[in-house]
Amino acid sequence: MTATRVYLVRHGATEASAEDRFAGAIDVPLSEAGRNQARLLGERLAYEKLCSIYASPMIRTVTTAELIAAPQGLAVEPIADLREIAHGRWENKTRKEVEAAFPEEYARYETDPYSFAPLGGESGLQVCARALPALLRLVDQNAGKRFLIVSHKATIRLLLSSLLGFDPRKYRDRLDQSPAALNILDFKDAVNPRLTLFNDTSHYDRMPDVPQGRLSKVWGG
């Protein structure tokens, strides 16, 4: 059986990501830099034979997907379960603001973002419970073909942790996702995935930055 190839993409840069704000459930548009990143990825993938393009229904992911899809003339299908982790009362606040306002919550988040959820938000476990079945359904539906998904930083890292057997409590420190980064997963079947490409931004940047404040205090403290 021919392997199923999944191009798993993080959305392009936004003003919120540039300001290091929590923006999971709130709808923020791409910045001009983010739109350019998506266009360049679309040019890079223009000759790939994609059968379908899917995206989280947020503005930033749908716009990224549409810009990537344009050279191939494909429509974008929204998939609600691929949306970003919801941060509850932390939404639209910077990390410094969250730590000052909710120090106990933030300390829990630093230690174990997989089982912990801020008030009104989601844990990493809850994200996996909705996003992983959605991804595997798409793998089954598109068996033997190539398709693209545009999702979000935390959601993608949690999916990769689950699929590859990494400790999901450490996903923030051990897996990065730059804006408009390209990952490629090949599935022999739904239970046999292989990570072929990870966090690649060569369509707009030759070398990724050294991890800093966008991760936990292990890197940005």
N, C-alpha and C. Protein backbone atom coordinates (compact mmCIF):
# COMPACT_ATOMS: atom_id res chain seq x y z
N MET A 1 0.84 -1.21 0.00
CA MET A 1 0.00 0.00 0.00
C MET A 1 0.87 1.25 0.00
N THR A 2 0.53 2.23 -0.81
CA THR A 2 1.25 3.50 -0.86
C THR A 2 1.05 4.26 0.44
N ALA A 3 2.12 4.84 0.95
CA ALA A 3 2.02 5.63 2.18
C ALA A 3 1.17 6.88 1.95
N THR A 4 0.56 7.34 3.00
CA THR A 4 -0.20 8.58 2.99
C THR A 4 0.70 9.68 3.53
N ARG A 5 0.84 10.75 2.77
CA ARG A 5 1.73 11.85 3.20
C ARG A 5 0.89 13.03 3.68
N VAL A 6 1.21 13.51 4.88
CA VAL A 6 0.52 14.65 5.48
C VAL A 6 1.51 15.81 5.62
N TYR A 7 1.20 16.92 4.98
CA TYR A 7 1.96 18.15 5.15
C TYR A 7 1.28 18.92 6.27
N LEU A 8 1.93 18.98 7.41
CA LEU A 8 1.35 19.59 8.61
C LEU A 8 2.03 20.93 8.85
N VAL A 9 1.26 22.01 8.75
CA VAL A 9 1.82 23.36 8.71
C VAL A 9 1.27 24.21 9.85
N ARG A 10 2.15 24.95 10.49
CA ARG A 10 1.67 25.97 11.44
C ARG A 10 1.31 27.23 10.65
N HIS A 11 0.32 27.97 11.11
CA HIS A 11 -0.06 29.22 10.44
C HIS A 11 1.10 30.22 10.47
N GLY A 12 1.03 31.21 9.61
CA GLY A 12 2.04 32.25 9.56
C GLY A 12 2.00 33.18 10.75
N ALA A 13 2.95 34.08 10.81
CA ALA A 13 3.10 34.98 11.94
C ALA A 13 1.90 35.92 12.08
N THR A 14 1.59 36.26 13.32
CA THR A 14 0.55 37.24 13.64
C THR A 14 1.16 38.31 14.53
N GLU A 15 0.44 39.41 14.73
CA GLU A 15 0.91 40.43 15.66
C GLU A 15 0.94 39.88 17.08
N ALA A 16 -0.01 39.00 17.41
CA ALA A 16 -0.05 38.42 18.75
C ALA A 16 1.18 37.55 19.01
N SER A 17 1.60 36.77 18.02
CA SER A 17 2.78 35.92 18.22
C SER A 17 4.04 36.78 18.35
N ALA A 18 4.09 37.88 17.62
CA ALA A 18 5.24 38.78 17.72
C ALA A 18 5.33 39.41 19.10
N GLU A 19 4.18 39.62 19.74
CA GLU A 19 4.13 40.23 21.08
C GLU A 19 4.15 39.19 22.20
N ASP A 20 4.26 37.90 21.84
CA ASP A 20 4.28 36.81 22.81
C ASP A 20 3.03 36.81 23.68
N ARG A 21 1.87 36.95 23.04
CA ARG A 21 0.58 36.90 23.72
C ARG A 21 -0.06 35.53 23.57
N PHE A 22 -0.83 35.14 24.58
CA PHE A 22 -1.62 33.91 24.48
C PHE A 22 -2.81 34.19 23.55
N ALA A 23 -2.86 33.50 22.44
CA ALA A 23 -3.94 33.70 21.47
C ALA A 23 -4.34 32.34 20.93
N GLY A 24 -5.11 31.61 21.72
CA GLY A 24 -5.57 30.30 21.31
C GLY A 24 -6.96 30.38 20.72
N ALA A 25 -7.91 30.77 21.54
CA ALA A 25 -9.31 30.81 21.11
C ALA A 25 -9.71 32.13 20.47
N ILE A 26 -8.90 33.17 20.65
CA ILE A 26 -9.26 34.45 20.02
C ILE A 26 -8.80 34.44 18.57
N ASP A 27 -9.54 35.16 17.74
CA ASP A 27 -9.25 35.19 16.31
C ASP A 27 -8.36 36.38 16.00
N VAL A 28 -7.15 36.11 15.59
CA VAL A 28 -6.22 37.17 15.22
C VAL A 28 -5.76 36.94 13.78
N PRO A 29 -5.65 37.99 12.99
CA PRO A 29 -5.25 37.83 11.58
C PRO A 29 -3.75 37.65 11.44
N LEU A 30 -3.33 37.21 10.27
CA LEU A 30 -1.91 37.17 9.96
C LEU A 30 -1.37 38.58 9.83
N SER A 31 -0.13 38.76 10.23
CA SER A 31 0.59 39.99 9.91
C SER A 31 1.01 39.93 8.45
N GLU A 32 1.52 41.02 7.92
CA GLU A 32 2.00 40.99 6.53
C GLU A 32 3.15 40.01 6.38
N ALA A 33 4.00 39.94 7.41
CA ALA A 33 5.08 38.96 7.38
C ALA A 33 4.52 37.53 7.31
N GLY A 34 3.46 37.28 8.07
CA GLY A 34 2.84 35.96 8.06
C GLY A 34 2.23 35.62 6.72
N ARG A 35 1.61 36.60 6.07
CA ARG A 35 1.04 36.36 4.75
C ARG A 35 2.14 36.03 3.74
N ASN A 36 3.26 36.72 3.85
CA ASN A 36 4.37 36.46 2.93
C ASN A 36 4.95 35.07 3.17
N GLN A 37 5.06 34.67 4.43
CA GLN A 37 5.55 33.32 4.73
C GLN A 37 4.66 32.26 4.08
N ALA A 38 3.35 32.47 4.18
CA ALA A 38 2.40 31.50 3.60
C ALA A 38 2.50 31.47 2.07
N ARG A 39 2.62 32.65 1.46
CA ARG A 39 2.77 32.70 -0.01
C ARG A 39 4.01 31.93 -0.46
N LEU A 40 5.11 32.13 0.25
CA LEU A 40 6.35 31.45 -0.12
C LEU A 40 6.23 29.94 0.05
N LEU A 41 5.50 29.50 1.09
CA LEU A 41 5.29 28.07 1.25
C LEU A 41 4.40 27.53 0.12
N GLY A 42 3.40 28.33 -0.28
CA GLY A 42 2.57 27.93 -1.41
C GLY A 42 3.39 27.75 -2.68
N GLU A 43 4.34 28.64 -2.91
CA GLU A 43 5.21 28.51 -4.08
C GLU A 43 6.08 27.26 -3.97
N ARG A 44 6.56 26.99 -2.77
CA ARG A 44 7.41 25.82 -2.55
C ARG A 44 6.65 24.52 -2.84
N LEU A 45 5.37 24.49 -2.46
CA LEU A 45 4.57 23.27 -2.60
C LEU A 45 3.73 23.23 -3.88
N ALA A 46 3.93 24.19 -4.75
CA ALA A 46 3.05 24.34 -5.92
C ALA A 46 3.00 23.10 -6.80
N TYR A 47 4.08 22.33 -6.83
CA TYR A 47 4.13 21.17 -7.73
C TYR A 47 3.90 19.85 -6.99
N GLU A 48 3.58 19.94 -5.71
CA GLU A 48 3.19 18.73 -4.98
C GLU A 48 1.75 18.37 -5.38
N LYS A 49 1.48 17.11 -5.51
CA LYS A 49 0.14 16.67 -5.94
C LYS A 49 -0.75 16.47 -4.73
N LEU A 50 -1.27 17.59 -4.21
CA LEU A 50 -2.14 17.54 -3.04
C LEU A 50 -3.57 17.24 -3.47
N CYS A 51 -4.24 16.38 -2.73
CA CYS A 51 -5.64 16.09 -3.05
C CYS A 51 -6.59 17.00 -2.29
N SER A 52 -6.17 17.46 -1.11
CA SER A 52 -7.05 18.27 -0.26
C SER A 52 -6.22 19.15 0.66
N ILE A 53 -6.84 20.25 1.08
CA ILE A 53 -6.22 21.13 2.07
C ILE A 53 -7.25 21.40 3.16
N TYR A 54 -6.83 21.19 4.41
CA TYR A 54 -7.69 21.37 5.57
C TYR A 54 -7.07 22.41 6.50
N ALA A 55 -7.91 23.04 7.33
CA ALA A 55 -7.39 24.03 8.26
C ALA A 55 -8.29 24.13 9.48
N SER A 56 -7.70 24.47 10.59
CA SER A 56 -8.46 24.96 11.74
C SER A 56 -9.30 26.14 11.26
N PRO A 57 -10.48 26.35 11.83
CA PRO A 57 -11.37 27.41 11.31
C PRO A 57 -11.00 28.83 11.71
N MET A 58 -9.88 29.03 12.40
CA MET A 58 -9.48 30.38 12.80
C MET A 58 -9.00 31.19 11.59
N ILE A 59 -9.14 32.50 11.67
CA ILE A 59 -8.75 33.37 10.55
C ILE A 59 -7.31 33.14 10.14
N ARG A 60 -6.41 33.04 11.11
CA ARG A 60 -4.99 32.93 10.80
C ARG A 60 -4.64 31.62 10.09
N THR A 61 -5.36 30.55 10.42
CA THR A 61 -5.08 29.27 9.77
C THR A 61 -5.75 29.18 8.40
N VAL A 62 -6.99 29.66 8.31
CA VAL A 62 -7.68 29.62 7.01
C VAL A 62 -6.96 30.50 5.99
N THR A 63 -6.52 31.68 6.42
CA THR A 63 -5.80 32.57 5.49
C THR A 63 -4.49 31.92 5.04
N THR A 64 -3.76 31.34 5.97
CA THR A 64 -2.53 30.64 5.62
C THR A 64 -2.81 29.54 4.60
N ALA A 65 -3.85 28.74 4.87
CA ALA A 65 -4.19 27.64 3.97
C ALA A 65 -4.60 28.15 2.59
N GLU A 66 -5.37 29.23 2.54
CA GLU A 66 -5.79 29.77 1.25
C GLU A 66 -4.61 30.26 0.43
N LEU A 67 -3.64 30.89 1.09
CA LEU A 67 -2.46 31.37 0.36
C LEU A 67 -1.61 30.20 -0.14
N ILE A 68 -1.52 29.14 0.64
CA ILE A 68 -0.79 27.95 0.20
C ILE A 68 -1.54 27.26 -0.95
N ALA A 69 -2.88 27.23 -0.86
CA ALA A 69 -3.71 26.53 -1.83
C ALA A 69 -3.80 27.24 -3.17
N ALA A 70 -3.59 28.55 -3.19
CA ALA A 70 -3.84 29.35 -4.40
C ALA A 70 -3.13 28.82 -5.64
N PRO A 71 -1.83 28.46 -5.60
CA PRO A 71 -1.19 27.99 -6.83
C PRO A 71 -1.79 26.70 -7.38
N GLN A 72 -2.45 25.91 -6.53
CA GLN A 72 -3.03 24.65 -7.00
C GLN A 72 -4.53 24.74 -7.23
N GLY A 73 -5.14 25.88 -6.90
CA GLY A 73 -6.55 26.06 -7.14
C GLY A 73 -7.44 25.17 -6.27
N LEU A 74 -6.96 24.82 -5.10
CA LEU A 74 -7.74 23.96 -4.21
C LEU A 74 -8.54 24.78 -3.20
N ALA A 75 -9.69 24.26 -2.81
CA ALA A 75 -10.49 24.90 -1.76
C ALA A 75 -9.98 24.43 -0.40
N VAL A 76 -10.27 25.20 0.63
CA VAL A 76 -9.85 24.88 2.00
C VAL A 76 -11.06 24.41 2.79
N GLU A 77 -10.92 23.26 3.42
CA GLU A 77 -12.01 22.72 4.24
C GLU A 77 -11.68 22.92 5.73
N PRO A 78 -12.51 23.65 6.47
CA PRO A 78 -12.24 23.85 7.90
C PRO A 78 -12.57 22.61 8.72
N ILE A 79 -11.71 22.31 9.70
CA ILE A 79 -11.91 21.19 10.62
C ILE A 79 -11.80 21.76 12.04
N ALA A 80 -12.92 21.82 12.74
CA ALA A 80 -12.97 22.49 14.04
C ALA A 80 -12.04 21.85 15.07
N ASP A 81 -11.88 20.54 15.03
CA ASP A 81 -11.09 19.86 16.05
C ASP A 81 -9.59 20.09 15.92
N LEU A 82 -9.16 20.76 14.86
CA LEU A 82 -7.74 21.08 14.68
C LEU A 82 -7.38 22.47 15.18
N ARG A 83 -8.32 23.11 15.89
CA ARG A 83 -8.07 24.47 16.38
C ARG A 83 -7.02 24.46 17.50
N GLU A 84 -6.60 25.66 17.88
CA GLU A 84 -5.56 25.81 18.90
C GLU A 84 -6.11 25.54 20.30
N ILE A 85 -5.19 25.24 21.22
CA ILE A 85 -5.54 25.09 22.62
C ILE A 85 -6.15 26.40 23.13
N ALA A 86 -7.23 26.30 23.90
CA ALA A 86 -7.88 27.49 24.47
C ALA A 86 -7.23 27.84 25.80
N HIS A 87 -6.89 29.11 25.99
CA HIS A 87 -6.19 29.54 27.20
C HIS A 87 -7.11 30.17 28.24
N GLY A 88 -8.41 30.13 28.02
CA GLY A 88 -9.33 30.64 29.03
C GLY A 88 -9.08 32.10 29.37
N ARG A 89 -8.96 32.39 30.67
CA ARG A 89 -8.80 33.79 31.10
C ARG A 89 -7.42 34.36 30.81
N TRP A 90 -6.53 33.54 30.27
CA TRP A 90 -5.22 34.05 29.87
C TRP A 90 -5.24 34.68 28.47
N GLU A 91 -6.29 34.46 27.72
CA GLU A 91 -6.31 34.89 26.32
C GLU A 91 -5.98 36.38 26.16
N ASN A 92 -5.14 36.67 25.18
CA ASN A 92 -4.74 38.02 24.78
C ASN A 92 -3.83 38.70 25.79
N LYS A 93 -3.37 37.98 26.80
CA LYS A 93 -2.42 38.53 27.75
C LYS A 93 -1.02 38.03 27.40
N THR A 94 0.00 38.84 27.71
CA THR A 94 1.37 38.40 27.52
C THR A 94 1.73 37.41 28.63
N ARG A 95 2.80 36.69 28.41
CA ARG A 95 3.25 35.74 29.44
C ARG A 95 3.57 36.45 30.75
N LYS A 96 4.20 37.61 30.67
CA LYS A 96 4.52 38.36 31.90
C LYS A 96 3.24 38.77 32.63
N GLU A 97 2.23 39.18 31.88
CA GLU A 97 0.96 39.57 32.50
C GLU A 97 0.28 38.39 33.17
N VAL A 98 0.32 37.24 32.52
CA VAL A 98 -0.30 36.03 33.09
C VAL A 98 0.42 35.62 34.36
N GLU A 99 1.74 35.63 34.32
CA GLU A 99 2.50 35.21 35.50
C GLU A 99 2.25 36.15 36.68
N ALA A 100 2.09 37.44 36.40
CA ALA A 100 1.84 38.41 37.47
C ALA A 100 0.42 38.27 38.03
N ALA A 101 -0.55 38.03 37.17
CA ALA A 101 -1.95 37.97 37.59
C ALA A 101 -2.34 36.62 38.19
N PHE A 102 -1.76 35.53 37.65
CA PHE A 102 -2.15 34.17 38.07
C PHE A 102 -0.90 33.33 38.34
N PRO A 103 -0.11 33.70 39.34
CA PRO A 103 1.18 33.03 39.55
C PRO A 103 1.08 31.53 39.82
N GLU A 104 0.07 31.10 40.57
CA GLU A 104 -0.06 29.67 40.87
C GLU A 104 -0.43 28.88 39.61
N GLU A 105 -1.36 29.43 38.82
CA GLU A 105 -1.72 28.77 37.58
C GLU A 105 -0.52 28.68 36.64
N TYR A 106 0.22 29.77 36.54
CA TYR A 106 1.34 29.77 35.60
C TYR A 106 2.43 28.79 36.03
N ALA A 107 2.64 28.67 37.33
CA ALA A 107 3.63 27.71 37.83
C ALA A 107 3.23 26.28 37.47
N ARG A 108 1.94 25.96 37.57
CA ARG A 108 1.46 24.64 37.17
C ARG A 108 1.67 24.42 35.67
N TYR A 109 1.39 25.44 34.90
CA TYR A 109 1.56 25.37 33.44
C TYR A 109 3.01 25.12 33.07
N GLU A 110 3.93 25.79 33.77
CA GLU A 110 5.35 25.59 33.50
C GLU A 110 5.77 24.15 33.78
N THR A 111 5.19 23.56 34.82
CA THR A 111 5.58 22.21 35.23
C THR A 111 4.95 21.13 34.36
N ASP A 112 3.65 21.28 34.05
CA ASP A 112 2.95 20.23 33.30
C ASP A 112 1.82 20.83 32.48
N PRO A 113 2.12 21.36 31.29
CA PRO A 113 1.08 21.95 30.44
C PRO A 113 0.17 20.91 29.81
N TYR A 114 0.50 19.63 30.00
CA TYR A 114 -0.33 18.58 29.41
C TYR A 114 -1.58 18.29 30.23
N SER A 115 -1.45 18.21 31.55
CA SER A 115 -2.62 17.89 32.38
C SER A 115 -3.29 19.13 32.94
N PHE A 116 -2.58 20.27 32.95
CA PHE A 116 -3.13 21.50 33.54
C PHE A 116 -3.88 22.34 32.51
N ALA A 117 -4.96 22.98 32.94
CA ALA A 117 -5.68 23.96 32.11
C ALA A 117 -5.99 25.18 32.95
N PRO A 118 -5.74 26.39 32.46
CA PRO A 118 -6.16 27.59 33.18
C PRO A 118 -7.68 27.68 33.23
N LEU A 119 -8.19 28.49 34.14
CA LEU A 119 -9.64 28.62 34.28
C LEU A 119 -10.27 29.00 32.94
N GLY A 120 -11.24 28.18 32.49
CA GLY A 120 -11.91 28.44 31.23
C GLY A 120 -11.16 27.96 30.00
N GLY A 121 -10.01 27.32 30.20
CA GLY A 121 -9.20 26.89 29.07
C GLY A 121 -9.15 25.37 28.93
N GLU A 122 -8.21 24.91 28.12
CA GLU A 122 -8.05 23.48 27.85
C GLU A 122 -6.67 23.01 28.31
N SER A 123 -6.60 21.75 28.65
CA SER A 123 -5.31 21.10 28.88
C SER A 123 -4.79 20.54 27.56
N GLY A 124 -3.50 20.20 27.53
CA GLY A 124 -2.96 19.53 26.36
C GLY A 124 -3.65 18.20 26.11
N LEU A 125 -4.01 17.52 27.17
CA LEU A 125 -4.71 16.24 27.05
C LEU A 125 -6.04 16.41 26.32
N GLN A 126 -6.77 17.47 26.65
CA GLN A 126 -8.06 17.73 25.98
C GLN A 126 -7.85 18.04 24.50
N VAL A 127 -6.79 18.74 24.17
CA VAL A 127 -6.49 19.04 22.77
C VAL A 127 -6.22 17.74 22.01
N CYS A 128 -5.40 16.87 22.60
CA CYS A 128 -5.10 15.59 21.95
C CYS A 128 -6.37 14.77 21.73
N ALA A 129 -7.28 14.83 22.71
CA ALA A 129 -8.49 14.01 22.64
C ALA A 129 -9.37 14.40 21.46
N ARG A 130 -9.28 15.65 20.99
CA ARG A 130 -10.09 16.05 19.83
C ARG A 130 -9.27 16.08 18.54
N ALA A 131 -8.01 16.51 18.63
CA ALA A 131 -7.21 16.73 17.42
C ALA A 131 -6.65 15.44 16.84
N LEU A 132 -6.23 14.51 17.68
CA LEU A 132 -5.64 13.28 17.15
C LEU A 132 -6.67 12.43 16.39
N PRO A 133 -7.87 12.20 16.92
CA PRO A 133 -8.86 11.47 16.12
C PRO A 133 -9.20 12.16 14.80
N ALA A 134 -9.23 13.52 14.82
CA ALA A 134 -9.51 14.25 13.59
C ALA A 134 -8.43 14.02 12.54
N LEU A 135 -7.17 14.05 12.97
CA LEU A 135 -6.06 13.80 12.04
C LEU A 135 -6.13 12.38 11.48
N LEU A 136 -6.36 11.41 12.34
CA LEU A 136 -6.38 10.02 11.88
C LEU A 136 -7.56 9.73 10.97
N ARG A 137 -8.68 10.42 11.19
CA ARG A 137 -9.81 10.29 10.25
C ARG A 137 -9.42 10.77 8.86
N LEU A 138 -8.69 11.89 8.81
CA LEU A 138 -8.25 12.41 7.51
C LEU A 138 -7.26 11.48 6.85
N VAL A 139 -6.40 10.85 7.64
CA VAL A 139 -5.47 9.86 7.09
C VAL A 139 -6.24 8.70 6.46
N ASP A 140 -7.26 8.23 7.14
CA ASP A 140 -8.07 7.14 6.59
C ASP A 140 -8.82 7.57 5.33
N GLN A 141 -9.37 8.78 5.35
CA GLN A 141 -10.16 9.27 4.21
C GLN A 141 -9.29 9.49 2.97
N ASN A 142 -8.02 9.82 3.19
CA ASN A 142 -7.14 10.15 2.07
C ASN A 142 -6.02 9.12 1.93
N ALA A 143 -6.32 7.88 2.24
CA ALA A 143 -5.31 6.82 2.22
C ALA A 143 -4.59 6.75 0.87
N GLY A 144 -3.26 6.72 0.94
CA GLY A 144 -2.45 6.61 -0.27
C GLY A 144 -2.26 7.91 -1.03
N LYS A 145 -2.78 9.02 -0.49
CA LYS A 145 -2.70 10.31 -1.17
C LYS A 145 -1.84 11.29 -0.36
N ARG A 146 -1.81 12.54 -0.82
CA ARG A 146 -1.07 13.60 -0.14
C ARG A 146 -2.04 14.74 0.16
N PHE A 147 -2.06 15.19 1.40
CA PHE A 147 -2.91 16.31 1.76
C PHE A 147 -2.21 17.20 2.77
N LEU A 148 -2.74 18.40 2.93
CA LEU A 148 -2.11 19.40 3.78
C LEU A 148 -3.08 19.87 4.85
N ILE A 149 -2.56 20.09 6.05
CA ILE A 149 -3.32 20.62 7.18
C ILE A 149 -2.61 21.86 7.69
N VAL A 150 -3.36 22.93 7.96
CA VAL A 150 -2.81 24.09 8.64
C VAL A 150 -3.44 24.15 10.04
N SER A 151 -2.58 24.10 11.04
CA SER A 151 -3.06 24.12 12.42
C SER A 151 -2.22 25.11 13.22
N HIS A 152 -1.98 24.81 14.48
CA HIS A 152 -1.41 25.78 15.42
C HIS A 152 -0.22 25.19 16.17
N LYS A 153 0.52 26.08 16.81
CA LYS A 153 1.78 25.70 17.46
C LYS A 153 1.60 24.60 18.50
N ALA A 154 0.75 24.84 19.51
CA ALA A 154 0.58 23.84 20.56
C ALA A 154 -0.07 22.58 20.02
N THR A 155 -1.08 22.73 19.19
CA THR A 155 -1.80 21.57 18.66
C THR A 155 -0.87 20.66 17.87
N ILE A 156 -0.01 21.24 17.02
CA ILE A 156 0.91 20.43 16.23
C ILE A 156 1.91 19.72 17.13
N ARG A 157 2.45 20.41 18.11
CA ARG A 157 3.43 19.78 19.00
C ARG A 157 2.80 18.66 19.81
N LEU A 158 1.56 18.85 20.23
CA LEU A 158 0.87 17.80 20.96
C LEU A 158 0.57 16.60 20.07
N LEU A 159 0.18 16.85 18.83
CA LEU A 159 -0.05 15.75 17.89
C LEU A 159 1.24 14.96 17.65
N LEU A 160 2.34 15.66 17.45
CA LEU A 160 3.60 14.97 17.21
C LEU A 160 4.05 14.18 18.43
N SER A 161 3.84 14.74 19.62
CA SER A 161 4.17 14.03 20.85
C SER A 161 3.40 12.72 20.94
N SER A 162 2.10 12.78 20.64
CA SER A 162 1.26 11.59 20.71
C SER A 162 1.65 10.55 19.67
N LEU A 163 1.88 11.00 18.45
CA LEU A 163 2.16 10.07 17.35
C LEU A 163 3.53 9.41 17.49
N LEU A 164 4.50 10.14 18.03
CA LEU A 164 5.87 9.64 18.08
C LEU A 164 6.29 9.12 19.44
N GLY A 165 5.39 9.20 20.42
CA GLY A 165 5.69 8.63 21.73
C GLY A 165 6.58 9.48 22.60
N PHE A 166 6.58 10.82 22.42
CA PHE A 166 7.32 11.71 23.30
C PHE A 166 6.53 11.96 24.57
N ASP A 167 7.22 12.34 25.64
CA ASP A 167 6.54 12.71 26.88
C ASP A 167 5.79 14.01 26.64
N PRO A 168 4.44 14.00 26.61
CA PRO A 168 3.70 15.22 26.27
C PRO A 168 3.83 16.32 27.31
N ARG A 169 4.28 15.99 28.52
CA ARG A 169 4.47 17.03 29.55
C ARG A 169 5.60 17.98 29.18
N LYS A 170 6.46 17.56 28.26
CA LYS A 170 7.62 18.36 27.88
C LYS A 170 7.52 18.91 26.46
N TYR A 171 6.31 18.92 25.89
CA TYR A 171 6.19 19.32 24.49
C TYR A 171 6.64 20.75 24.24
N ARG A 172 6.47 21.63 25.22
CA ARG A 172 6.84 23.04 25.01
C ARG A 172 8.34 23.22 24.89
N ASP A 173 9.13 22.41 25.60
CA ASP A 173 10.58 22.58 25.60
C ASP A 173 11.28 21.75 24.53
N ARG A 174 10.71 20.60 24.18
CA ARG A 174 11.43 19.68 23.32
C ARG A 174 11.01 19.73 21.85
N LEU A 175 9.92 20.41 21.57
CA LEU A 175 9.46 20.53 20.18
C LEU A 175 9.12 21.99 19.91
N ASP A 176 9.66 22.54 18.85
CA ASP A 176 9.35 23.92 18.48
C ASP A 176 8.52 23.92 17.20
N GLN A 177 7.83 25.03 16.96
CA GLN A 177 7.10 25.24 15.71
C GLN A 177 7.17 26.72 15.36
N SER A 178 7.96 27.04 14.36
CA SER A 178 8.07 28.43 13.91
C SER A 178 6.86 28.79 13.06
N PRO A 179 6.58 30.09 12.88
CA PRO A 179 5.48 30.49 12.01
C PRO A 179 5.65 29.92 10.59
N ALA A 180 4.55 29.40 10.04
CA ALA A 180 4.54 28.82 8.69
C ALA A 180 5.55 27.69 8.52
N ALA A 181 5.87 27.00 9.61
CA ALA A 181 6.79 25.86 9.53
C ALA A 181 6.11 24.68 8.85
N LEU A 182 6.90 23.94 8.08
CA LEU A 182 6.42 22.75 7.39
C LEU A 182 6.93 21.50 8.09
N ASN A 183 5.99 20.60 8.41
CA ASN A 183 6.31 19.27 8.90
C ASN A 183 5.72 18.27 7.92
N ILE A 184 6.38 17.13 7.74
CA ILE A 184 5.84 16.08 6.89
C ILE A 184 5.77 14.78 7.67
N LEU A 185 4.58 14.20 7.69
CA LEU A 185 4.35 12.90 8.31
C LEU A 185 3.94 11.91 7.23
N ASP A 186 4.58 10.75 7.21
CA ASP A 186 4.19 9.68 6.31
C ASP A 186 3.55 8.57 7.14
N PHE A 187 2.37 8.15 6.73
CA PHE A 187 1.64 7.09 7.42
C PHE A 187 1.58 5.85 6.54
N LYS A 188 2.17 4.74 7.02
CA LYS A 188 1.96 3.47 6.31
C LYS A 188 0.51 3.04 6.52
N ASP A 189 0.01 3.33 7.73
CA ASP A 189 -1.40 3.20 8.06
C ASP A 189 -1.62 4.08 9.29
N ALA A 190 -2.82 4.08 9.85
CA ALA A 190 -3.14 5.02 10.92
C ALA A 190 -2.32 4.83 12.19
N VAL A 191 -1.72 3.64 12.36
CA VAL A 191 -0.96 3.39 13.59
C VAL A 191 0.55 3.34 13.35
N ASN A 192 0.98 3.62 12.12
CA ASN A 192 2.41 3.58 11.80
C ASN A 192 2.85 4.87 11.10
N PRO A 193 3.02 5.97 11.88
CA PRO A 193 3.49 7.22 11.30
C PRO A 193 5.01 7.35 11.37
N ARG A 194 5.54 8.14 10.48
CA ARG A 194 6.98 8.45 10.48
C ARG A 194 7.14 9.94 10.23
N LEU A 195 7.91 10.62 11.07
CA LEU A 195 8.19 12.04 10.88
C LEU A 195 9.32 12.19 9.89
N THR A 196 9.02 12.74 8.72
CA THR A 196 10.00 12.86 7.64
C THR A 196 10.66 14.23 7.60
N LEU A 197 9.92 15.27 7.99
CA LEU A 197 10.45 16.64 8.01
C LEU A 197 9.83 17.36 9.20
N PHE A 198 10.66 18.18 9.89
CA PHE A 198 10.18 18.83 11.11
C PHE A 198 10.55 20.31 11.14
N ASN A 199 9.57 21.16 11.42
CA ASN A 199 9.78 22.59 11.69
C ASN A 199 10.67 23.25 10.63
N ASP A 200 10.41 22.98 9.38
CA ASP A 200 11.24 23.50 8.30
C ASP A 200 10.70 24.85 7.82
N THR A 201 11.57 25.85 7.79
CA THR A 201 11.18 27.19 7.34
C THR A 201 12.09 27.67 6.20
N SER A 202 12.70 26.74 5.48
CA SER A 202 13.66 27.12 4.45
C SER A 202 13.03 27.88 3.30
N HIS A 203 11.70 27.89 3.20
CA HIS A 203 11.03 28.69 2.17
C HIS A 203 11.12 30.19 2.45
N TYR A 204 11.42 30.56 3.72
CA TYR A 204 11.57 31.99 4.01
C TYR A 204 12.75 32.31 4.93
N ASP A 205 13.40 31.32 5.51
CA ASP A 205 14.46 31.58 6.48
C ASP A 205 15.47 30.44 6.41
N ARG A 206 16.73 30.77 6.23
CA ARG A 206 17.74 29.72 6.07
C ARG A 206 18.01 28.97 7.37
N MET A 207 17.97 29.66 8.50
CA MET A 207 18.35 29.03 9.75
C MET A 207 17.42 29.51 10.86
N PRO A 208 16.77 28.59 11.61
CA PRO A 208 15.87 29.01 12.69
C PRO A 208 16.64 29.67 13.83
N ASP A 209 15.92 30.51 14.58
CA ASP A 209 16.52 31.15 15.75
C ASP A 209 16.77 30.14 16.86
N VAL A 210 17.72 30.46 17.73
CA VAL A 210 17.90 29.67 18.95
C VAL A 210 16.67 29.89 19.83
N PRO A 211 16.10 28.83 20.44
CA PRO A 211 14.91 29.01 21.28
C PRO A 211 15.13 30.02 22.39
N GLN A 212 14.10 30.88 22.59
CA GLN A 212 14.18 31.88 23.65
C GLN A 212 12.85 31.91 24.41
N GLY A 213 12.31 33.10 24.66
CA GLY A 213 11.17 33.27 25.55
C GLY A 213 9.88 32.63 25.14
N ARG A 214 9.75 32.22 23.86
CA ARG A 214 8.47 31.63 23.45
C ARG A 214 8.27 30.23 23.99
N LEU A 215 9.32 29.66 24.65
CA LEU A 215 9.20 28.38 25.30
C LEU A 215 9.06 28.61 26.81
N SER A 216 9.27 27.57 27.62
CA SER A 216 9.16 27.75 29.06
C SER A 216 10.43 28.40 29.61
N LYS A 217 10.49 28.56 30.93
CA LYS A 217 11.64 29.22 31.54
C LYS A 217 12.92 28.41 31.43
N VAL A 218 12.79 27.13 31.07
CA VAL A 218 14.00 26.35 30.83
C VAL A 218 14.84 27.03 29.76
N TRP A 219 14.18 27.62 28.76
CA TRP A 219 14.87 28.29 27.66
C TRP A 219 14.86 29.80 27.80
N GLY A 220 13.81 30.35 28.38
CA GLY A 220 13.67 31.81 28.36
C GLY A 220 13.75 32.47 29.71
N GLY A 221 14.20 31.75 30.73
CA GLY A 221 14.16 32.28 32.09
C GLY A 221 15.34 33.14 32.41
